[in-house]
Amino acid sequence: MANEEIPIEFSGLAYAPSTENEVYMLTAFLWEHLPYKIVFEEFEVDPQRQGYRHSKWLDARGKRLVDGKWENITVEFKLHSSGFLRDLEKYPGLKEDRVNLIICWCDDAPEIRDYVGEVMALKPILFSLPEDERKRIILYPNKSNKLPPESSTIGSLLSQFSEANRPKVEKLLELWPQQAQTGVAEILFHRGSKTILRACAYSTEHIIVTEYANESTKGAILSRFEGKMLPSKEVSIPLTSIELSVLPEFIDMVAGT
């Protein structure tokens, strides 16, 4: 857990979001920097009362201003956009009654755009601001203060990966020169205080490279391992695109960041 000093004049989020509740708060803190105006009319939206074809209680509904006119929207808040993939599996009707807007901290699942109207990631919005303004909103935006559940272990997270991909994650753990830590459905590969890689046990199993040395390294990772650039400037690589035999090469590229 991070334990930095908090200045007495500071008021805001001390660390980067690690729960959906913090995404709610950060949306409010970034209100004037959002790409358009939004009005929230209702939270915890009853699907039956609204006549939806799915049974999921949506986080919110309201309106957004488009070309000078208000249009009705439904909204889901997620820490990572990939969290919505689990909702799509659990509530198939969500693919028919599309959610108009996902508001998240980090957009790590480009594939959900086939099923939602738009994804608004707050991380790139925050980091587009001058540093002094960022630090008035989140004091340490590159650090998290969330401890994983005690029941969450590397072993238990490994068991969530498919049989085809589990050996690859085990090899990453063997090759990684520093400590790995458990997250929520993720294994976090650290270097110092920064997270360099995240191995994600979502329905689409993938690795996210969160830090790289320069544009050349990023480009090499994208081309060599069939990665996708996320709006957050991170690189997402499906585990199916990485053969076990090339993981040492992959780690050499990433660990040099």
C-alpha atoms as a PDB file:
ATOM      1  CA  MET A   1       0.000   0.000   0.000  1.00  0.00           C
ATOM      2  CA  ALA A   2       1.225   3.448  -0.871  1.00  0.00           C
ATOM      3  CA  ASN A   3       2.052   5.622   2.127  1.00  0.00           C
ATOM      4  CA  GLU A   4       3.101   9.025   0.785  1.00  0.00           C
ATOM      5  CA  GLU A   5       2.673  12.231   2.704  1.00  0.00           C
ATOM      6  CA  ILE A   6      -0.556  14.162   2.063  1.00  0.00           C
ATOM      7  CA  PRO A   7      -0.111  17.971   2.095  1.00  0.00           C
ATOM      8  CA  ILE A   8      -2.499  19.690   4.520  1.00  0.00           C
ATOM      9  CA  GLU A   9      -3.828  21.956   1.744  1.00  0.00           C
ATOM     10  CA  PHE A  10      -4.770  19.036  -0.549  1.00  0.00           C
ATOM     11  CA  SER A  11      -8.380  17.948  -1.129  1.00  0.00           C
ATOM     12  CA  GLY A  12      -9.226  15.236  -3.652  1.00  0.00           C
ATOM     13  CA  LEU A  13      -8.236  11.667  -4.490  1.00  0.00           C
ATOM     14  CA  ALA A  14      -4.880  10.710  -3.016  1.00  0.00           C
ATOM     15  CA  TYR A  15      -4.309   7.819  -5.440  1.00  0.00           C
ATOM     16  CA  ALA A  16      -5.473   6.536  -8.818  1.00  0.00           C
ATOM     17  CA  PRO A  17      -8.924   4.892  -8.805  1.00  0.00           C
ATOM     18  CA  SER A  18      -9.023   1.253  -7.738  1.00  0.00           C
ATOM     19  CA  THR A  19     -12.819   0.875  -7.424  1.00  0.00           C
ATOM     20  CA  GLU A  20     -15.872   1.969  -9.392  1.00  0.00           C
ATOM     21  CA  ASN A  21     -16.888   4.313  -6.568  1.00  0.00           C
ATOM     22  CA  GLU A  22     -13.737   6.331  -7.198  1.00  0.00           C
ATOM     23  CA  VAL A  23     -14.630   6.529 -10.897  1.00  0.00           C
ATOM     24  CA  TYR A  24     -17.927   8.158  -9.871  1.00  0.00           C
ATOM     25  CA  MET A  25     -16.003  10.708  -7.823  1.00  0.00           C
ATOM     26  CA  LEU A  26     -13.398  11.347 -10.503  1.00  0.00           C
ATOM     27  CA  THR A  27     -16.138  11.993 -13.060  1.00  0.00           C
ATOM     28  CA  ALA A  28     -17.333  14.836 -10.855  1.00  0.00           C
ATOM     29  CA  PHE A  29     -13.810  16.156 -10.281  1.00  0.00           C
ATOM     30  CA  LEU A  30     -13.166  16.213 -14.058  1.00  0.00           C
ATOM     31  CA  TRP A  31     -16.606  17.602 -14.885  1.00  0.00           C
ATOM     32  CA  GLU A  32     -15.417  20.748 -16.673  1.00  0.00           C
ATOM     33  CA  HIS A  33     -12.888  18.740 -18.716  1.00  0.00           C
ATOM     34  CA  LEU A  34     -15.304  16.117 -20.109  1.00  0.00           C
ATOM     35  CA  PRO A  35     -15.775  16.212 -23.897  1.00  0.00           C
ATOM     36  CA  TYR A  36     -19.480  17.127 -23.660  1.00  0.00           C
ATOM     37  CA  LYS A  37     -22.179  18.090 -21.188  1.00  0.00           C
ATOM     38  CA  ILE A  38     -24.016  15.327 -19.315  1.00  0.00           C
ATOM     39  CA  VAL A  39     -27.081  15.476 -17.090  1.00  0.00           C
ATOM     40  CA  PHE A  40     -27.742  12.519 -14.773  1.00  0.00           C
ATOM     41  CA  GLU A  41     -31.456  11.997 -14.115  1.00  0.00           C
ATOM     42  CA  GLU A  42     -31.482   8.647 -12.303  1.00  0.00           C
ATOM     43  CA  PHE A  43     -29.075   6.193 -10.694  1.00  0.00           C
ATOM     44  CA  GLU A  44     -29.662   2.450 -10.119  1.00  0.00           C
ATOM     45  CA  VAL A  45     -32.022   2.155 -13.084  1.00  0.00           C
ATOM     46  CA  ASP A  46     -34.669  -0.593 -12.818  1.00  0.00           C
ATOM     47  CA  PRO A  47     -34.576  -2.549 -16.124  1.00  0.00           C
ATOM     48  CA  GLN A  48     -38.124  -3.829 -15.766  1.00  0.00           C
ATOM     49  CA  ARG A  49     -39.607  -0.378 -15.215  1.00  0.00           C
ATOM     50  CA  GLN A  50     -37.694   0.959 -18.222  1.00  0.00           C
ATOM     51  CA  GLY A  51     -38.753  -1.963 -20.434  1.00  0.00           C
ATOM     52  CA  TYR A  52     -35.234  -3.194 -21.179  1.00  0.00           C
ATOM     53  CA  ARG A  53     -34.745  -6.638 -22.681  1.00  0.00           C
ATOM     54  CA  HIS A  54     -32.104  -7.457 -20.094  1.00  0.00           C
ATOM     55  CA  SER A  55     -32.323  -7.759 -16.303  1.00  0.00           C
ATOM     56  CA  LYS A  56     -29.298  -5.665 -15.316  1.00  0.00           C
ATOM     57  CA  TRP A  57     -29.848  -2.627 -13.115  1.00  0.00           C
ATOM     58  CA  LEU A  58     -27.888   0.046 -14.971  1.00  0.00           C
ATOM     59  CA  ASP A  59     -25.779   2.554 -13.074  1.00  0.00           C
ATOM     60  CA  ALA A  60     -27.440   5.661 -14.486  1.00  0.00           C
ATOM     61  CA  ARG A  61     -29.481   7.257 -17.199  1.00  0.00           C
ATOM     62  CA  GLY A  62     -29.738  10.870 -18.286  1.00  0.00           C
ATOM     63  CA  LYS A  63     -28.959  13.128 -21.224  1.00  0.00           C
ATOM     64  CA  ARG A  64     -25.947  14.470 -23.091  1.00  0.00           C
ATOM     65  CA  LEU A  65     -25.762  17.529 -25.298  1.00  0.00           C
ATOM     66  CA  VAL A  66     -25.107  16.686 -28.957  1.00  0.00           C
ATOM     67  CA  ASP A  67     -25.165  19.401 -31.631  1.00  0.00           C
ATOM     68  CA  GLY A  68     -27.161  21.700 -29.389  1.00  0.00           C
ATOM     69  CA  LYS A  69     -29.794  19.082 -28.513  1.00  0.00           C
ATOM     70  CA  TRP A  70     -30.224  16.792 -25.510  1.00  0.00           C
ATOM     71  CA  GLU A  71     -30.246  13.069 -26.312  1.00  0.00           C
ATOM     72  CA  ASN A  72     -31.219  10.306 -23.890  1.00  0.00           C
ATOM     73  CA  ILE A  73     -28.403   8.036 -22.687  1.00  0.00           C
ATOM     74  CA  THR A  74     -27.794   5.085 -20.401  1.00  0.00           C
ATOM     75  CA  VAL A  75     -24.503   4.986 -18.494  1.00  0.00           C
ATOM     76  CA  GLU A  76     -22.344   2.312 -16.855  1.00  0.00           C
ATOM     77  CA  PHE A  77     -19.345   3.109 -14.641  1.00  0.00           C
ATOM     78  CA  LYS A  78     -16.383   0.694 -14.678  1.00  0.00           C
ATOM     79  CA  LEU A  79     -12.885   0.766 -13.265  1.00  0.00           C
ATOM     80  CA  HIS A  80     -11.650  -0.856 -16.502  1.00  0.00           C
ATOM     81  CA  SER A  81     -13.809  -1.040 -19.616  1.00  0.00           C
ATOM     82  CA  SER A  82     -13.085  -4.784 -19.800  1.00  0.00           C
ATOM     83  CA  GLY A  83     -15.313  -5.188 -16.743  1.00  0.00           C
ATOM     84  CA  PHE A  84     -18.269  -4.713 -19.067  1.00  0.00           C
ATOM     85  CA  LEU A  85     -17.357  -7.949 -20.863  1.00  0.00           C
ATOM     86  CA  ARG A  86     -18.508  -9.875 -17.786  1.00  0.00           C
ATOM     87  CA  ASP A  87     -21.835  -8.001 -17.878  1.00  0.00           C
ATOM     88  CA  LEU A  88     -22.295  -8.952 -21.541  1.00  0.00           C
ATOM     89  CA  GLU A  89     -21.791 -12.605 -20.637  1.00  0.00           C
ATOM     90  CA  LYS A  90     -24.171 -12.454 -17.684  1.00  0.00           C
ATOM     91  CA  TYR A  91     -26.871 -10.338 -19.374  1.00  0.00           C
ATOM     92  CA  PRO A  92     -27.037 -11.245 -23.095  1.00  0.00           C
ATOM     93  CA  GLY A  93     -29.810  -8.702 -23.661  1.00  0.00           C
ATOM     94  CA  LEU A  94     -27.252  -5.923 -23.172  1.00  0.00           C
ATOM     95  CA  LYS A  95     -26.084  -6.588 -26.722  1.00  0.00           C
ATOM     96  CA  GLU A  96     -29.560  -5.639 -27.978  1.00  0.00           C
ATOM     97  CA  ASP A  97     -30.356  -2.776 -25.575  1.00  0.00           C
ATOM     98  CA  ARG A  98     -26.950  -1.175 -25.992  1.00  0.00           C
ATOM     99  CA  VAL A  99     -25.563   0.966 -23.202  1.00  0.00           C
ATOM    100  CA  ASN A 100     -24.871   4.388 -24.689  1.00  0.00           C
ATOM    101  CA  LEU A 101     -21.879   5.367 -22.564  1.00  0.00           C
ATOM    102  CA  ILE A 102     -19.262   3.532 -20.496  1.00  0.00           C
ATOM    103  CA  ILE A 103     -17.341   5.827 -18.137  1.00  0.00           C
ATOM    104  CA  CYS A 104     -14.163   4.168 -16.871  1.00  0.00           C
ATOM    105  CA  TRP A 105     -10.724   4.949 -15.522  1.00  0.00           C
ATOM    106  CA  CYS A 106      -8.874   2.883 -18.124  1.00  0.00           C
ATOM    107  CA  ASP A 107     -10.132   1.639 -21.500  1.00  0.00           C
ATOM    108  CA  ASP A 108      -8.469  -1.753 -21.886  1.00  0.00           C
ATOM    109  CA  ALA A 109     -11.031  -3.591 -24.055  1.00  0.00           C
ATOM    110  CA  PRO A 110     -11.478  -2.065 -27.530  1.00  0.00           C
ATOM    111  CA  GLU A 111     -13.746  -4.979 -28.451  1.00  0.00           C
ATOM    112  CA  ILE A 112     -16.601  -3.689 -26.274  1.00  0.00           C
ATOM    113  CA  ARG A 113     -17.218  -0.927 -28.838  1.00  0.00           C
ATOM    114  CA  ASP A 114     -19.172  -3.519 -30.815  1.00  0.00           C
ATOM    115  CA  TYR A 115     -21.738  -3.504 -27.991  1.00  0.00           C
ATOM    116  CA  VAL A 116     -21.801   0.036 -26.562  1.00  0.00           C
ATOM    117  CA  GLY A 117     -22.265   3.474 -28.011  1.00  0.00           C
ATOM    118  CA  GLU A 118     -19.104   5.088 -26.626  1.00  0.00           C
ATOM    119  CA  VAL A 119     -16.362   4.616 -24.039  1.00  0.00           C
ATOM    120  CA  MET A 120     -15.129   7.636 -22.078  1.00  0.00           C
ATOM    121  CA  ALA A 121     -11.843   6.854 -20.306  1.00  0.00           C
ATOM    122  CA  LEU A 122     -10.967   9.327 -17.564  1.00  0.00           C
ATOM    123  CA  LYS A 123      -7.266   8.472 -17.340  1.00  0.00           C
ATOM    124  CA  PRO A 124      -6.289  10.100 -20.669  1.00  0.00           C
ATOM    125  CA  ILE A 125      -8.509  13.095 -19.832  1.00  0.00           C
ATOM    126  CA  LEU A 126      -6.700  13.521 -16.504  1.00  0.00           C
ATOM    127  CA  PHE A 127      -3.240  13.136 -18.049  1.00  0.00           C
ATOM    128  CA  SER A 128      -4.055  15.663 -20.782  1.00  0.00           C
ATOM    129  CA  LEU A 129      -4.141  18.340 -18.070  1.00  0.00           C
ATOM    130  CA  PRO A 130      -1.075  20.277 -16.884  1.00  0.00           C
ATOM    131  CA  GLU A 131       0.728  18.491 -14.054  1.00  0.00           C
ATOM    132  CA  ASP A 132      -0.190  21.048 -11.397  1.00  0.00           C
ATOM    133  CA  GLU A 133      -3.870  20.731 -12.300  1.00  0.00           C
ATOM    134  CA  ARG A 134      -3.690  16.916 -12.325  1.00  0.00           C
ATOM    135  CA  LYS A 135      -2.226  16.941  -8.838  1.00  0.00           C
ATOM    136  CA  ARG A 136      -5.069  19.092  -7.565  1.00  0.00           C
ATOM    137  CA  ILE A 137      -7.411  16.243  -8.548  1.00  0.00           C
ATOM    138  CA  ILE A 138      -5.277  13.125  -7.872  1.00  0.00           C
ATOM    139  CA  LEU A 139      -2.163  13.680  -5.824  1.00  0.00           C
ATOM    140  CA  TYR A 140      -0.403  10.458  -6.890  1.00  0.00           C
ATOM    141  CA  PRO A 141      -2.121   9.445 -10.157  1.00  0.00           C
ATOM    142  CA  ASN A 142       0.447   6.736 -10.984  1.00  0.00           C
ATOM    143  CA  LYS A 143      -0.054   4.864  -7.721  1.00  0.00           C
ATOM    144  CA  SER A 144      -2.821   2.807  -6.177  1.00  0.00           C
ATOM    145  CA  ASN A 145      -3.653   2.500  -2.495  1.00  0.00           C
ATOM    146  CA  LYS A 146      -5.807  -0.601  -2.803  1.00  0.00           C
ATOM    147  CA  LEU A 147      -4.724  -3.822  -1.165  1.00  0.00           C
ATOM    148  CA  PRO A 148      -5.959  -6.979  -2.910  1.00  0.00           C
ATOM    149  CA  PRO A 149      -8.356  -9.234  -0.959  1.00  0.00           C
ATOM    150  CA  GLU A 150      -6.532 -11.583   1.397  1.00  0.00           C
ATOM    151  CA  SER A 151      -8.094 -14.539  -0.402  1.00  0.00           C
ATOM    152  CA  SER A 152      -6.646 -13.354  -3.710  1.00  0.00           C
ATOM    153  CA  THR A 153      -3.303 -15.039  -4.345  1.00  0.00           C
ATOM    154  CA  ILE A 154      -1.129 -15.476  -7.401  1.00  0.00           C
ATOM    155  CA  GLY A 155      -2.155 -19.123  -7.427  1.00  0.00           C
ATOM    156  CA  SER A 156      -5.869 -18.377  -7.297  1.00  0.00           C
ATOM    157  CA  LEU A 157      -5.548 -15.835 -10.102  1.00  0.00           C
ATOM    158  CA  LEU A 158      -3.535 -18.246 -12.239  1.00  0.00           C
ATOM    159  CA  SER A 159      -6.386 -20.732 -11.943  1.00  0.00           C
ATOM    160  CA  GLN A 160      -8.698 -18.201 -13.611  1.00  0.00           C
ATOM    161  CA  PHE A 161      -6.720 -18.315 -16.855  1.00  0.00           C
ATOM    162  CA  SER A 162      -7.542 -20.905 -19.505  1.00  0.00           C
ATOM    163  CA  GLU A 163      -5.426 -24.049 -19.806  1.00  0.00           C
ATOM    164  CA  ALA A 164      -3.929 -22.685 -23.035  1.00  0.00           C
ATOM    165  CA  ASN A 165      -2.833 -19.369 -21.530  1.00  0.00           C
ATOM    166  CA  ARG A 166      -1.997 -20.310 -17.933  1.00  0.00           C
ATOM    167  CA  PRO A 167       1.511 -21.625 -18.790  1.00  0.00           C
ATOM    168  CA  LYS A 168       2.272 -18.285 -20.470  1.00  0.00           C
ATOM    169  CA  VAL A 169       1.373 -16.315 -17.349  1.00  0.00           C
ATOM    170  CA  GLU A 170       3.389 -18.750 -15.219  1.00  0.00           C
ATOM    171  CA  LYS A 171       6.359 -18.155 -17.547  1.00  0.00           C
ATOM    172  CA  LEU A 172       5.920 -14.386 -17.232  1.00  0.00           C
ATOM    173  CA  LEU A 173       6.088 -14.745 -13.455  1.00  0.00           C
ATOM    174  CA  GLU A 174       9.228 -16.880 -13.756  1.00  0.00           C
ATOM    175  CA  LEU A 175      10.949 -14.409 -16.093  1.00  0.00           C
ATOM    176  CA  TRP A 176       9.891 -11.149 -14.475  1.00  0.00           C
ATOM    177  CA  PRO A 177      12.910  -9.669 -12.661  1.00  0.00           C
ATOM    178  CA  GLN A 178      10.921  -8.041  -9.858  1.00  0.00           C
ATOM    179  CA  GLN A 179       7.847  -8.632  -7.741  1.00  0.00           C
ATOM    180  CA  ALA A 180       4.340  -9.393  -8.998  1.00  0.00           C
ATOM    181  CA  GLN A 181       1.189  -8.577  -7.043  1.00  0.00           C
ATOM    182  CA  THR A 182      -2.432  -9.641  -7.185  1.00  0.00           C
ATOM    183  CA  GLY A 183      -5.146  -7.291  -8.350  1.00  0.00           C
ATOM    184  CA  VAL A 184      -8.829  -7.805  -9.124  1.00  0.00           C
ATOM    185  CA  ALA A 185      -8.804 -10.537 -11.823  1.00  0.00           C
ATOM    186  CA  GLU A 186      -5.290  -9.323 -12.729  1.00  0.00           C
ATOM    187  CA  ILE A 187      -1.663 -10.080 -11.921  1.00  0.00           C
ATOM    188  CA  LEU A 188       0.345  -6.866 -11.703  1.00  0.00           C
ATOM    189  CA  PHE A 189       4.021  -6.868 -12.674  1.00  0.00           C
ATOM    190  CA  HIS A 190       5.856  -4.042 -10.914  1.00  0.00           C
ATOM    191  CA  ARG A 191       9.125  -2.225 -11.317  1.00  0.00           C
ATOM    192  CA  GLY A 192       9.614  -0.116  -8.248  1.00  0.00           C
ATOM    193  CA  SER A 193       6.372   1.749  -7.560  1.00  0.00           C
ATOM    194  CA  LYS A 194       5.106   1.499 -11.148  1.00  0.00           C
ATOM    195  CA  THR A 195       3.034  -1.232 -12.772  1.00  0.00           C
ATOM    196  CA  ILE A 196       4.695  -2.213 -16.062  1.00  0.00           C
ATOM    197  CA  LEU A 197       2.453  -5.139 -17.083  1.00  0.00           C
ATOM    198  CA  ARG A 198      -0.989  -6.440 -16.207  1.00  0.00           C
ATOM    199  CA  ALA A 199      -1.999 -10.005 -17.037  1.00  0.00           C
ATOM    200  CA  CYS A 200      -5.797  -9.905 -17.179  1.00  0.00           C
ATOM    201  CA  ALA A 201      -7.960 -12.981 -16.563  1.00  0.00           C
ATOM    202  CA  TYR A 202     -11.021 -11.492 -18.245  1.00  0.00           C
ATOM    203  CA  SER A 203     -13.195 -13.278 -20.800  1.00  0.00           C
ATOM    204  CA  THR A 204     -10.695 -11.995 -23.377  1.00  0.00           C
ATOM    205  CA  GLU A 205      -7.410 -12.925 -21.712  1.00  0.00           C
ATOM    206  CA  HIS A 206      -4.707 -10.408 -22.477  1.00  0.00           C
ATOM    207  CA  ILE A 207      -1.622  -8.556 -21.308  1.00  0.00           C
ATOM    208  CA  ILE A 208      -1.560  -4.792 -20.987  1.00  0.00           C
ATOM    209  CA  VAL A 209       1.783  -3.006 -21.222  1.00  0.00           C
ATOM    210  CA  THR A 210       1.294   0.135 -19.150  1.00  0.00           C
ATOM    211  CA  GLU A 211       4.831   1.562 -19.325  1.00  0.00           C
ATOM    212  CA  TYR A 212       7.449   1.508 -22.091  1.00  0.00           C
ATOM    213  CA  ALA A 213      10.716   3.337 -22.587  1.00  0.00           C
ATOM    214  CA  ASN A 214       9.923   5.241 -25.780  1.00  0.00           C
ATOM    215  CA  GLU A 215       7.867   5.289 -28.973  1.00  0.00           C
ATOM    216  CA  SER A 216      10.311   2.894 -30.647  1.00  0.00           C
ATOM    217  CA  THR A 217       9.768   0.253 -27.964  1.00  0.00           C
ATOM    218  CA  LYS A 218       6.027   0.753 -28.115  1.00  0.00           C
ATOM    219  CA  GLY A 219       6.041   0.378 -31.907  1.00  0.00           C
ATOM    220  CA  ALA A 220       8.127  -2.788 -31.711  1.00  0.00           C
ATOM    221  CA  ILE A 221       5.750  -4.336 -29.158  1.00  0.00           C
ATOM    222  CA  LEU A 222       2.716  -3.408 -31.264  1.00  0.00           C
ATOM    223  CA  SER A 223       4.084  -4.912 -34.476  1.00  0.00           C
ATOM    224  CA  ARG A 224       5.871  -7.946 -33.036  1.00  0.00           C
ATOM    225  CA  PHE A 225       3.030  -9.160 -30.818  1.00  0.00           C
ATOM    226  CA  GLU A 226      -0.098  -7.988 -32.685  1.00  0.00           C
ATOM    227  CA  GLY A 227      -0.900  -5.447 -30.004  1.00  0.00           C
ATOM    228  CA  LYS A 228      -3.571  -2.762 -30.033  1.00  0.00           C
ATOM    229  CA  MET A 229      -3.081   0.797 -28.889  1.00  0.00           C
ATOM    230  CA  LEU A 230      -5.621   1.792 -26.236  1.00  0.00           C
ATOM    231  CA  PRO A 231      -6.912   5.359 -25.805  1.00  0.00           C
ATOM    232  CA  SER A 232      -5.021   5.409 -22.493  1.00  0.00           C
ATOM    233  CA  LYS A 233      -1.759   5.011 -24.528  1.00  0.00           C
ATOM    234  CA  GLU A 234      -1.302   1.537 -23.078  1.00  0.00           C
ATOM    235  CA  VAL A 235      -0.799  -1.507 -25.315  1.00  0.00           C
ATOM    236  CA  SER A 236      -3.163  -4.492 -25.151  1.00  0.00           C
ATOM    237  CA  ILE A 237      -1.931  -7.872 -26.422  1.00  0.00           C
ATOM    238  CA  PRO A 238      -4.181 -10.965 -26.532  1.00  0.00           C
ATOM    239  CA  LEU A 239      -2.459 -13.877 -24.827  1.00  0.00           C
ATOM    240  CA  THR A 240      -3.377 -15.980 -27.847  1.00  0.00           C
ATOM    241  CA  SER A 241      -1.007 -13.777 -29.903  1.00  0.00           C
ATOM    242  CA  ILE A 242       2.050 -14.646 -27.792  1.00  0.00           C
ATOM    243  CA  GLU A 243       3.704 -18.052 -28.065  1.00  0.00           C
ATOM    244  CA  LEU A 244       5.326 -19.480 -24.961  1.00  0.00           C
ATOM    245  CA  SER A 245       8.677 -19.659 -26.741  1.00  0.00           C
ATOM    246  CA  VAL A 246       8.846 -15.898 -27.432  1.00  0.00           C
ATOM    247  CA  LEU A 247       8.083 -14.760 -23.879  1.00  0.00           C
ATOM    248  CA  PRO A 248      11.785 -14.240 -23.036  1.00  0.00           C
ATOM    249  CA  GLU A 249      12.005 -11.854 -26.009  1.00  0.00           C
ATOM    250  CA  PHE A 250       8.835 -10.099 -24.870  1.00  0.00           C
ATOM    251  CA  ILE A 251      10.154  -9.668 -21.312  1.00  0.00           C
ATOM    252  CA  ASP A 252      13.485  -8.359 -22.608  1.00  0.00           C
ATOM    253  CA  MET A 253      11.645  -5.691 -24.584  1.00  0.00           C
ATOM    254  CA  VAL A 254       9.349  -4.701 -21.735  1.00  0.00           C
ATOM    255  CA  ALA A 255      11.751  -5.010 -18.801  1.00  0.00           C
ATOM    256  CA  GLY A 256      14.111  -2.616 -20.524  1.00  0.00           C
ATOM    257  CA  THR A 257      11.554   0.195 -20.036  1.00  0.00           C
END
